[in-house]
Amino acid sequence: MARQMQILRYPRLDTILMVEEFIRKHGGEFKKFQIWQRLPKKMMYKTFCVIFQYLLDTNKIAVDKKGHVCWIWDPEGVRKLLEEKSLFIR
């Protein structure tokens, strides 16, 4: 179950897309706080945490044992795998 947090301000779409693009380009290089520090535009850390939690909950990102964040969302790759005749789903 996802933990509930009190959200005072919801992030704008352009802000979410900026975070997504940064993580997509730099996947596996940085940890959560380091990503926030290196974003092209500054934002409040709580706003970043809301976006980060959203990306985790929707399985767009993953965090490894060392805390590095990686982009894992790949609908095109999944679609190509599903079209493969030699593969099947149980």
N, C-alpha and C. Protein backbone atom coordinates (compact mmCIF):
# COMPACT_ATOMS: atom_id res chain seq x y z
N MET A 1 0.84 -1.17 0.00
CA MET A 1 0.00 0.00 0.00
C MET A 1 0.89 1.24 0.00
N ALA A 2 0.59 2.19 -0.87
CA ALA A 2 1.36 3.42 -0.93
C ALA A 2 1.08 4.27 0.30
N ARG A 3 2.13 4.86 0.80
CA ARG A 3 1.93 5.69 1.98
C ARG A 3 1.29 7.02 1.59
N GLN A 4 0.46 7.49 2.44
CA GLN A 4 -0.25 8.74 2.18
C GLN A 4 0.58 9.92 2.70
N MET A 5 0.70 10.95 1.89
CA MET A 5 1.38 12.15 2.34
C MET A 5 0.47 13.34 2.08
N GLN A 6 0.59 14.31 2.93
CA GLN A 6 -0.21 15.51 2.76
C GLN A 6 0.47 16.39 1.72
N ILE A 7 -0.22 16.63 0.63
CA ILE A 7 0.35 17.41 -0.46
C ILE A 7 -0.25 18.81 -0.43
N LEU A 8 0.63 19.79 -0.21
CA LEU A 8 0.17 21.17 -0.16
C LEU A 8 0.03 21.77 -1.56
N ARG A 9 0.94 21.41 -2.43
CA ARG A 9 0.89 21.89 -3.81
C ARG A 9 1.22 20.74 -4.75
N TYR A 10 0.42 20.59 -5.77
CA TYR A 10 0.68 19.56 -6.76
C TYR A 10 1.60 20.13 -7.83
N PRO A 11 2.54 19.31 -8.32
CA PRO A 11 3.46 19.80 -9.34
C PRO A 11 2.76 19.98 -10.69
N ARG A 12 3.28 20.91 -11.48
CA ARG A 12 2.75 21.13 -12.82
C ARG A 12 3.31 20.07 -13.76
N LEU A 13 2.62 19.86 -14.86
CA LEU A 13 3.02 18.84 -15.82
C LEU A 13 4.42 19.09 -16.36
N ASP A 14 4.76 20.33 -16.68
CA ASP A 14 6.09 20.61 -17.22
C ASP A 14 7.18 20.28 -16.21
N THR A 15 6.88 20.42 -14.92
CA THR A 15 7.85 20.08 -13.88
C THR A 15 8.04 18.56 -13.80
N ILE A 16 6.95 17.82 -13.90
CA ILE A 16 7.03 16.35 -13.88
C ILE A 16 7.83 15.87 -15.09
N LEU A 17 7.54 16.43 -16.26
CA LEU A 17 8.25 16.04 -17.48
C LEU A 17 9.74 16.36 -17.41
N MET A 18 10.09 17.48 -16.77
CA MET A 18 11.50 17.85 -16.60
C MET A 18 12.22 16.80 -15.76
N VAL A 19 11.60 16.36 -14.66
CA VAL A 19 12.21 15.34 -13.80
C VAL A 19 12.32 14.02 -14.56
N GLU A 20 11.26 13.64 -15.26
CA GLU A 20 11.30 12.40 -16.05
C GLU A 20 12.45 12.43 -17.06
N GLU A 21 12.58 13.52 -17.79
CA GLU A 21 13.61 13.64 -18.82
C GLU A 21 15.01 13.58 -18.20
N PHE A 22 15.20 14.23 -17.07
CA PHE A 22 16.51 14.20 -16.41
C PHE A 22 16.86 12.77 -16.00
N ILE A 23 15.91 12.06 -15.40
CA ILE A 23 16.18 10.69 -14.96
C ILE A 23 16.40 9.78 -16.17
N ARG A 24 15.66 10.00 -17.24
CA ARG A 24 15.82 9.19 -18.45
C ARG A 24 17.24 9.36 -19.02
N LYS A 25 17.74 10.59 -19.04
CA LYS A 25 19.07 10.87 -19.59
C LYS A 25 20.19 10.40 -18.68
N HIS A 26 19.97 10.47 -17.36
CA HIS A 26 21.04 10.20 -16.40
C HIS A 26 20.75 8.99 -15.54
N GLY A 27 19.99 8.03 -16.07
CA GLY A 27 19.59 6.85 -15.30
C GLY A 27 20.77 6.07 -14.75
N GLY A 28 20.75 5.79 -13.47
CA GLY A 28 21.78 5.01 -12.82
C GLY A 28 22.97 5.81 -12.32
N GLU A 29 23.05 7.08 -12.67
CA GLU A 29 24.20 7.90 -12.28
C GLU A 29 24.05 8.50 -10.88
N PHE A 30 22.83 8.90 -10.52
CA PHE A 30 22.64 9.68 -9.31
C PHE A 30 21.64 9.04 -8.36
N LYS A 31 21.73 9.46 -7.10
CA LYS A 31 20.75 9.08 -6.09
C LYS A 31 19.68 10.17 -6.05
N LYS A 32 18.63 9.94 -5.30
CA LYS A 32 17.47 10.83 -5.27
C LYS A 32 17.85 12.28 -4.97
N PHE A 33 18.57 12.52 -3.89
CA PHE A 33 18.91 13.89 -3.51
C PHE A 33 19.83 14.54 -4.54
N GLN A 34 20.73 13.75 -5.11
CA GLN A 34 21.63 14.28 -6.13
C GLN A 34 20.87 14.70 -7.39
N ILE A 35 19.84 13.95 -7.74
CA ILE A 35 18.99 14.32 -8.88
C ILE A 35 18.35 15.67 -8.62
N TRP A 36 17.77 15.83 -7.44
CA TRP A 36 17.10 17.08 -7.09
C TRP A 36 18.08 18.26 -7.18
N GLN A 37 19.31 18.06 -6.73
CA GLN A 37 20.30 19.13 -6.76
C GLN A 37 20.70 19.51 -8.18
N ARG A 38 20.64 18.58 -9.12
CA ARG A 38 21.14 18.80 -10.47
C ARG A 38 20.06 19.12 -11.51
N LEU A 39 18.83 19.23 -11.08
CA LEU A 39 17.76 19.54 -12.03
C LEU A 39 18.00 20.89 -12.69
N PRO A 40 17.60 21.05 -13.97
CA PRO A 40 17.81 22.32 -14.68
C PRO A 40 17.10 23.51 -14.03
N LYS A 41 15.94 23.26 -13.45
CA LYS A 41 15.21 24.32 -12.74
C LYS A 41 15.04 23.89 -11.30
N LYS A 42 15.19 24.82 -10.39
CA LYS A 42 15.05 24.50 -8.97
C LYS A 42 13.58 24.40 -8.59
N MET A 43 13.32 23.52 -7.62
CA MET A 43 11.98 23.36 -7.08
C MET A 43 12.11 22.99 -5.62
N MET A 44 11.03 23.11 -4.90
CA MET A 44 11.04 22.71 -3.50
C MET A 44 11.24 21.20 -3.41
N TYR A 45 11.97 20.76 -2.37
CA TYR A 45 12.26 19.34 -2.23
C TYR A 45 10.99 18.53 -2.03
N LYS A 46 10.01 19.08 -1.32
CA LYS A 46 8.75 18.35 -1.10
C LYS A 46 8.03 18.13 -2.43
N THR A 47 8.06 19.09 -3.32
CA THR A 47 7.45 18.94 -4.64
C THR A 47 8.18 17.84 -5.41
N PHE A 48 9.51 17.85 -5.34
CA PHE A 48 10.29 16.80 -5.99
C PHE A 48 9.93 15.43 -5.42
N CYS A 49 9.73 15.35 -4.12
CA CYS A 49 9.39 14.06 -3.49
C CYS A 49 8.03 13.55 -3.97
N VAL A 50 7.08 14.45 -4.20
CA VAL A 50 5.78 14.05 -4.74
C VAL A 50 5.96 13.45 -6.13
N ILE A 51 6.75 14.12 -6.97
CA ILE A 51 7.01 13.62 -8.32
C ILE A 51 7.74 12.28 -8.25
N PHE A 52 8.74 12.19 -7.40
CA PHE A 52 9.53 10.97 -7.26
C PHE A 52 8.65 9.79 -6.84
N GLN A 53 7.76 10.03 -5.88
CA GLN A 53 6.87 8.97 -5.42
C GLN A 53 5.91 8.54 -6.53
N TYR A 54 5.42 9.51 -7.29
CA TYR A 54 4.55 9.21 -8.43
C TYR A 54 5.27 8.31 -9.44
N LEU A 55 6.53 8.64 -9.75
CA LEU A 55 7.29 7.85 -10.72
C LEU A 55 7.56 6.44 -10.19
N LEU A 56 7.79 6.31 -8.90
CA LEU A 56 7.96 4.98 -8.30
C LEU A 56 6.66 4.19 -8.34
N ASP A 57 5.55 4.83 -7.96
CA ASP A 57 4.25 4.15 -7.91
C ASP A 57 3.77 3.69 -9.28
N THR A 58 4.16 4.41 -10.33
CA THR A 58 3.73 4.06 -11.68
C THR A 58 4.77 3.19 -12.40
N ASN A 59 5.78 2.74 -11.66
CA ASN A 59 6.83 1.85 -12.19
C ASN A 59 7.59 2.45 -13.36
N LYS A 60 7.81 3.75 -13.32
CA LYS A 60 8.62 4.39 -14.35
C LYS A 60 10.09 4.45 -13.94
N ILE A 61 10.35 4.42 -12.64
CA ILE A 61 11.72 4.42 -12.15
C ILE A 61 11.88 3.31 -11.12
N ALA A 62 13.14 2.96 -10.88
CA ALA A 62 13.47 1.99 -9.84
C ALA A 62 14.71 2.50 -9.12
N VAL A 63 14.88 2.05 -7.89
CA VAL A 63 16.03 2.43 -7.09
C VAL A 63 16.78 1.15 -6.73
N ASP A 64 18.09 1.12 -7.02
CA ASP A 64 18.86 -0.08 -6.72
C ASP A 64 19.30 -0.11 -5.25
N LYS A 65 20.04 -1.14 -4.87
CA LYS A 65 20.46 -1.31 -3.48
C LYS A 65 21.29 -0.15 -2.97
N LYS A 66 22.06 0.47 -3.85
CA LYS A 66 22.92 1.58 -3.45
C LYS A 66 22.20 2.91 -3.46
N GLY A 67 20.94 2.93 -3.92
CA GLY A 67 20.16 4.16 -3.93
C GLY A 67 20.16 4.90 -5.26
N HIS A 68 20.81 4.35 -6.27
CA HIS A 68 20.83 5.00 -7.58
C HIS A 68 19.49 4.80 -8.28
N VAL A 69 19.05 5.86 -8.94
CA VAL A 69 17.74 5.87 -9.59
C VAL A 69 17.92 5.59 -11.08
N CYS A 70 17.08 4.72 -11.61
CA CYS A 70 17.17 4.34 -13.02
C CYS A 70 15.78 4.39 -13.66
N TRP A 71 15.72 4.81 -14.89
CA TRP A 71 14.49 4.85 -15.67
C TRP A 71 14.22 3.45 -16.21
N ILE A 72 13.05 2.89 -15.93
CA ILE A 72 12.73 1.53 -16.38
C ILE A 72 11.51 1.47 -17.29
N TRP A 73 10.81 2.56 -17.47
CA TRP A 73 9.59 2.58 -18.28
C TRP A 73 9.96 2.45 -19.75
N ASP A 74 9.47 1.41 -20.42
CA ASP A 74 9.79 1.17 -21.82
C ASP A 74 8.61 0.51 -22.53
N PRO A 75 7.52 1.25 -22.77
CA PRO A 75 6.36 0.64 -23.41
C PRO A 75 6.64 0.14 -24.83
N GLU A 76 7.52 0.82 -25.57
CA GLU A 76 7.86 0.39 -26.93
C GLU A 76 8.59 -0.95 -26.90
N GLY A 77 9.52 -1.10 -25.97
CA GLY A 77 10.24 -2.36 -25.84
C GLY A 77 9.33 -3.51 -25.46
N VAL A 78 8.38 -3.24 -24.57
CA VAL A 78 7.43 -4.28 -24.16
C VAL A 78 6.54 -4.66 -25.34
N ARG A 79 6.09 -3.66 -26.10
CA ARG A 79 5.24 -3.93 -27.26
C ARG A 79 5.97 -4.81 -28.28
N LYS A 80 7.25 -4.51 -28.52
CA LYS A 80 8.03 -5.31 -29.46
C LYS A 80 8.19 -6.74 -28.96
N LEU A 81 8.41 -6.90 -27.65
CA LEU A 81 8.53 -8.25 -27.09
C LEU A 81 7.23 -9.02 -27.22
N LEU A 82 6.10 -8.35 -27.00
CA LEU A 82 4.80 -9.02 -27.09
C LEU A 82 4.48 -9.44 -28.52
N GLU A 83 5.01 -8.74 -29.50
CA GLU A 83 4.78 -9.08 -30.90
C GLU A 83 5.67 -10.24 -31.38
N GLU A 84 6.69 -10.57 -30.63
CA GLU A 84 7.60 -11.66 -30.98
C GLU A 84 6.85 -12.97 -30.98
N LYS A 85 6.88 -13.67 -32.07
CA LYS A 85 6.15 -14.93 -32.20
C LYS A 85 6.78 -16.05 -31.37
N SER A 86 8.11 -15.98 -31.18
CA SER A 86 8.78 -17.06 -30.43
C SER A 86 8.58 -16.95 -28.93
N LEU A 87 8.09 -15.81 -28.45
CA LEU A 87 7.82 -15.62 -27.01
C LEU A 87 6.34 -15.80 -26.73
N PHE A 88 6.03 -16.28 -25.56
CA PHE A 88 4.62 -16.39 -25.17
C PHE A 88 4.47 -16.06 -23.70
N ILE A 89 3.26 -15.70 -23.32
CA ILE A 89 2.96 -15.35 -21.94
C ILE A 89 2.22 -16.50 -21.30
N ARG A 90 2.64 -16.89 -20.14
CA ARG A 90 1.96 -17.99 -19.43
C ARG A 90 0.78 -17.48 -18.68
